């Protein structure tokens, strides 16, 4: 049916959002480390 496709799309979107958030956190931690070493 069509519900499976909707579930897959929502799952993919959720994973993408988590990945973006994790990448942003990693970048923020990297800049914080650079500032600490400066």
PDB file of N, CA and C in Angstrom:
ATOM      1  N   UNK A   1       0.814  -1.201   0.000  1.00  0.00           N
ATOM      2  CA  UNK A   1       0.000   0.000   0.000  1.00  0.00           C
ATOM      3  C   UNK A   1       0.852   1.256   0.000  1.00  0.00           C
ATOM      4  N   UNK A   2       0.221   2.351   0.323  1.00  0.00           N
ATOM      5  CA  UNK A   2       0.886   3.642   0.280  1.00  0.00           C
ATOM      6  C   UNK A   2       1.453   4.031   1.643  1.00  0.00           C
ATOM      7  N   UNK A   3       0.911   3.438   2.715  1.00  0.00           N
ATOM      8  CA  UNK A   3       1.373   3.776   4.060  1.00  0.00           C
ATOM      9  C   UNK A   3       2.830   3.409   4.279  1.00  0.00           C
ATOM     10  N   UNK A   4       3.263   2.326   3.640  1.00  0.00           N
ATOM     11  CA  UNK A   4       4.656   1.899   3.791  1.00  0.00           C
ATOM     12  C   UNK A   4       5.604   2.974   3.267  1.00  0.00           C
ATOM     13  N   UNK A   5       5.269   3.547   2.112  1.00  0.00           N
ATOM     14  CA  UNK A   5       6.114   4.571   1.515  1.00  0.00           C
ATOM     15  C   UNK A   5       6.173   5.804   2.413  1.00  0.00           C
ATOM     16  N   UNK A   6       5.017   6.187   2.955  1.00  0.00           N
ATOM     17  CA  UNK A   6       4.976   7.356   3.835  1.00  0.00           C
ATOM     18  C   UNK A   6       5.832   7.107   5.075  1.00  0.00           C
ATOM     19  N   UNK A   7       5.754   5.886   5.617  1.00  0.00           N
ATOM     20  CA  UNK A   7       6.538   5.562   6.802  1.00  0.00           C
ATOM     21  C   UNK A   7       8.025   5.618   6.493  1.00  0.00           C
ATOM     22  N   UNK A   8       8.422   5.121   5.332  1.00  0.00           N
ATOM     23  CA  UNK A   8       9.831   5.141   4.948  1.00  0.00           C
ATOM     24  C   UNK A   8      10.326   6.574   4.780  1.00  0.00           C
ATOM     25  N   UNK A   9       9.509   7.414   4.160  1.00  0.00           N
ATOM     26  CA  UNK A   9       9.904   8.806   3.931  1.00  0.00           C
ATOM     27  C   UNK A   9      10.058   9.535   5.262  1.00  0.00           C
ATOM     28  N   UNK A  10       9.094   9.320   6.175  1.00  0.00           N
ATOM     29  CA  UNK A  10       9.170   9.998   7.471  1.00  0.00           C
ATOM     30  C   UNK A  10      10.373   9.498   8.259  1.00  0.00           C
ATOM     31  N   UNK A  11      10.674   8.204   8.140  1.00  0.00           N
ATOM     32  CA  UNK A  11      11.829   7.644   8.846  1.00  0.00           C
ATOM     33  C   UNK A  11      13.124   8.232   8.293  1.00  0.00           C
ATOM     34  N   UNK A  12      13.176   8.358   6.959  1.00  0.00           N
ATOM     35  CA  UNK A  12      14.370   8.909   6.325  1.00  0.00           C
ATOM     36  C   UNK A  12      14.558  10.369   6.725  1.00  0.00           C
ATOM     37  N   UNK A  13      13.451  11.113   6.758  1.00  0.00           N
ATOM     38  CA  UNK A  13      13.527  12.524   7.131  1.00  0.00           C
ATOM     39  C   UNK A  13      14.016  12.664   8.569  1.00  0.00           C
ATOM     40  N   UNK A  14      13.527  11.784   9.450  1.00  0.00           N
ATOM     41  CA  UNK A  14      13.933  11.838  10.851  1.00  0.00           C
ATOM     42  C   UNK A  14      15.425  11.541  10.983  1.00  0.00           C
ATOM     43  N   UNK A  15      15.903  10.550  10.237  1.00  0.00           N
ATOM     44  CA  UNK A  15      17.318  10.195  10.291  1.00  0.00           C
ATOM     45  C   UNK A  15      18.174  11.344   9.771  1.00  0.00           C
ATOM     46  N   UNK A  16      17.707  12.010   8.709  1.00  0.00           N
ATOM     47  CA  UNK A  16      18.459  13.129   8.147  1.00  0.00           C
ATOM     48  C   UNK A  16      18.550  14.260   9.153  1.00  0.00           C
ATOM     49  N   UNK A  17      17.438  14.530   9.861  1.00  0.00           N
ATOM     50  CA  UNK A  17      17.435  15.601  10.856  1.00  0.00           C
ATOM     51  C   UNK A  17      18.411  15.278  11.986  1.00  0.00           C
ATOM     52  N   UNK A  18      18.429  14.009  12.411  1.00  0.00           N
ATOM     53  CA  UNK A  18      19.355  13.611  13.475  1.00  0.00           C
ATOM     54  C   UNK A  18      20.800  13.746  13.006  1.00  0.00           C
ATOM     55  N   UNK A  19      21.057  13.382  11.754  1.00  0.00           N
ATOM     56  CA  UNK A  19      22.410  13.477  11.209  1.00  0.00           C
ATOM     57  C   UNK A  19      22.860  14.933  11.148  1.00  0.00           C
ATOM     58  N   UNK A  20      21.962  15.820  10.723  1.00  0.00           N
ATOM     59  CA  UNK A  20      22.309  17.237  10.649  1.00  0.00           C
ATOM     60  C   UNK A  20      22.601  17.791  12.040  1.00  0.00           C
ATOM     61  N   UNK A  21      21.768  17.376  13.019  1.00  0.00           N
ATOM     62  CA  UNK A  21      21.975  17.860  14.386  1.00  0.00           C
ATOM     63  C   UNK A  21      23.311  17.362  14.929  1.00  0.00           C
ATOM     64  N   UNK A  22      23.629  16.088  14.625  1.00  0.00           N
ATOM     65  CA  UNK A  22      24.888  15.530  15.122  1.00  0.00           C
ATOM     66  C   UNK A  22      26.075  16.234  14.470  1.00  0.00           C
ATOM     67  N   UNK A  23      25.934  16.558  13.177  1.00  0.00           N
ATOM     68  CA  UNK A  23      27.013  17.241  12.474  1.00  0.00           C
ATOM     69  C   UNK A  23      27.218  18.643  13.035  1.00  0.00           C
ATOM     70  N   UNK A  24      26.109  19.319  13.365  1.00  0.00           N
ATOM     71  CA  UNK A  24      26.209  20.670  13.927  1.00  0.00           C
ATOM     72  C   UNK A  24      26.883  20.625  15.299  1.00  0.00           C
ATOM     73  N   UNK A  25      26.515  19.628  16.097  1.00  0.00           N
ATOM     74  CA  UNK A  25      27.132  19.499  17.418  1.00  0.00           C
ATOM     75  C   UNK A  25      28.622  19.221  17.289  1.00  0.00           C
ATOM     76  N   UNK A  26      28.981  18.364  16.327  1.00  0.00           N
ATOM     77  CA  UNK A  26      30.390  18.036  16.133  1.00  0.00           C
ATOM     78  C   UNK A  26      31.172  19.274  15.702  1.00  0.00           C
ATOM     79  N   UNK A  27      30.592  20.087  14.817  1.00  0.00           N
ATOM     80  CA  UNK A  27      31.262  21.297  14.347  1.00  0.00           C
ATOM     81  C   UNK A  27      31.426  22.283  15.501  1.00  0.00           C
ATOM     82  N   UNK A  28      30.392  22.391  16.355  1.00  0.00           N
ATOM     83  CA  UNK A  28      30.464  23.315  17.484  1.00  0.00           C
ATOM     84  C   UNK A  28      31.551  22.871  18.462  1.00  0.00           C
ATOM     85  N   UNK A  29      31.642  21.559  18.692  1.00  0.00           N
ATOM     86  CA  UNK A  29      32.673  21.053  19.595  1.00  0.00           C
ATOM     87  C   UNK A  29      34.063  21.293  19.008  1.00  0.00           C
ATOM     88  N   UNK A  30      34.196  21.171  17.701  1.00  0.00           N
ATOM     89  CA  UNK A  30      35.484  21.378  17.048  1.00  0.00           C
ATOM     90  C   UNK A  30      35.915  22.836  17.202  1.00  0.00           C
ATOM     91  N   UNK A  31      35.004  23.773  16.994  1.00  0.00           N
ATOM     92  CA  UNK A  31      35.354  25.186  17.117  1.00  0.00           C
ATOM     93  C   UNK A  31      35.679  25.521  18.563  1.00  0.00           C
ATOM     94  N   UNK A  32      34.963  24.890  19.498  1.00  0.00           N
ATOM     95  CA  UNK A  32      35.229  25.147  20.915  1.00  0.00           C
ATOM     96  C   UNK A  32      36.633  24.671  21.279  1.00  0.00           C
ATOM     97  N   UNK A  33      37.036  23.533  20.714  1.00  0.00           N
ATOM     98  CA  UNK A  33      38.381  23.017  20.986  1.00  0.00           C
ATOM     99  C   UNK A  33      39.426  23.955  20.401  1.00  0.00           C
ATOM    100  N   UNK A  34      39.173  24.475  19.218  1.00  0.00           N
ATOM    101  CA  UNK A  34      40.115  25.400  18.582  1.00  0.00           C
ATOM    102  C   UNK A  34      40.262  26.653  19.434  1.00  0.00           C
ATOM    103  N   UNK A  35      39.151  27.170  19.945  1.00  0.00           N
ATOM    104  CA  UNK A  35      39.216  28.371  20.772  1.00  0.00           C
ATOM    105  C   UNK A  35      39.974  28.096  22.068  1.00  0.00           C
ATOM    106  N   UNK A  36      39.806  26.887  22.593  1.00  0.00           N
ATOM    107  CA  UNK A  36      40.488  26.543  23.836  1.00  0.00           C
ATOM    108  C   UNK A  36      42.000  26.500  23.624  1.00  0.00           C
ATOM    109  N   UNK A  37      42.422  26.029  22.442  1.00  0.00           N
ATOM    110  CA  UNK A  37      43.861  25.921  22.189  1.00  0.00           C
ATOM    111  C   UNK A  37      44.482  27.256  21.805  1.00  0.00           C
ATOM    112  N   UNK A  38      43.657  28.222  21.461  1.00  0.00           N
ATOM    113  CA  UNK A  38      44.194  29.494  20.990  1.00  0.00           C
ATOM    114  C   UNK A  38      44.824  30.289  22.136  1.00  0.00           C
TER     115      UNK A  38
END
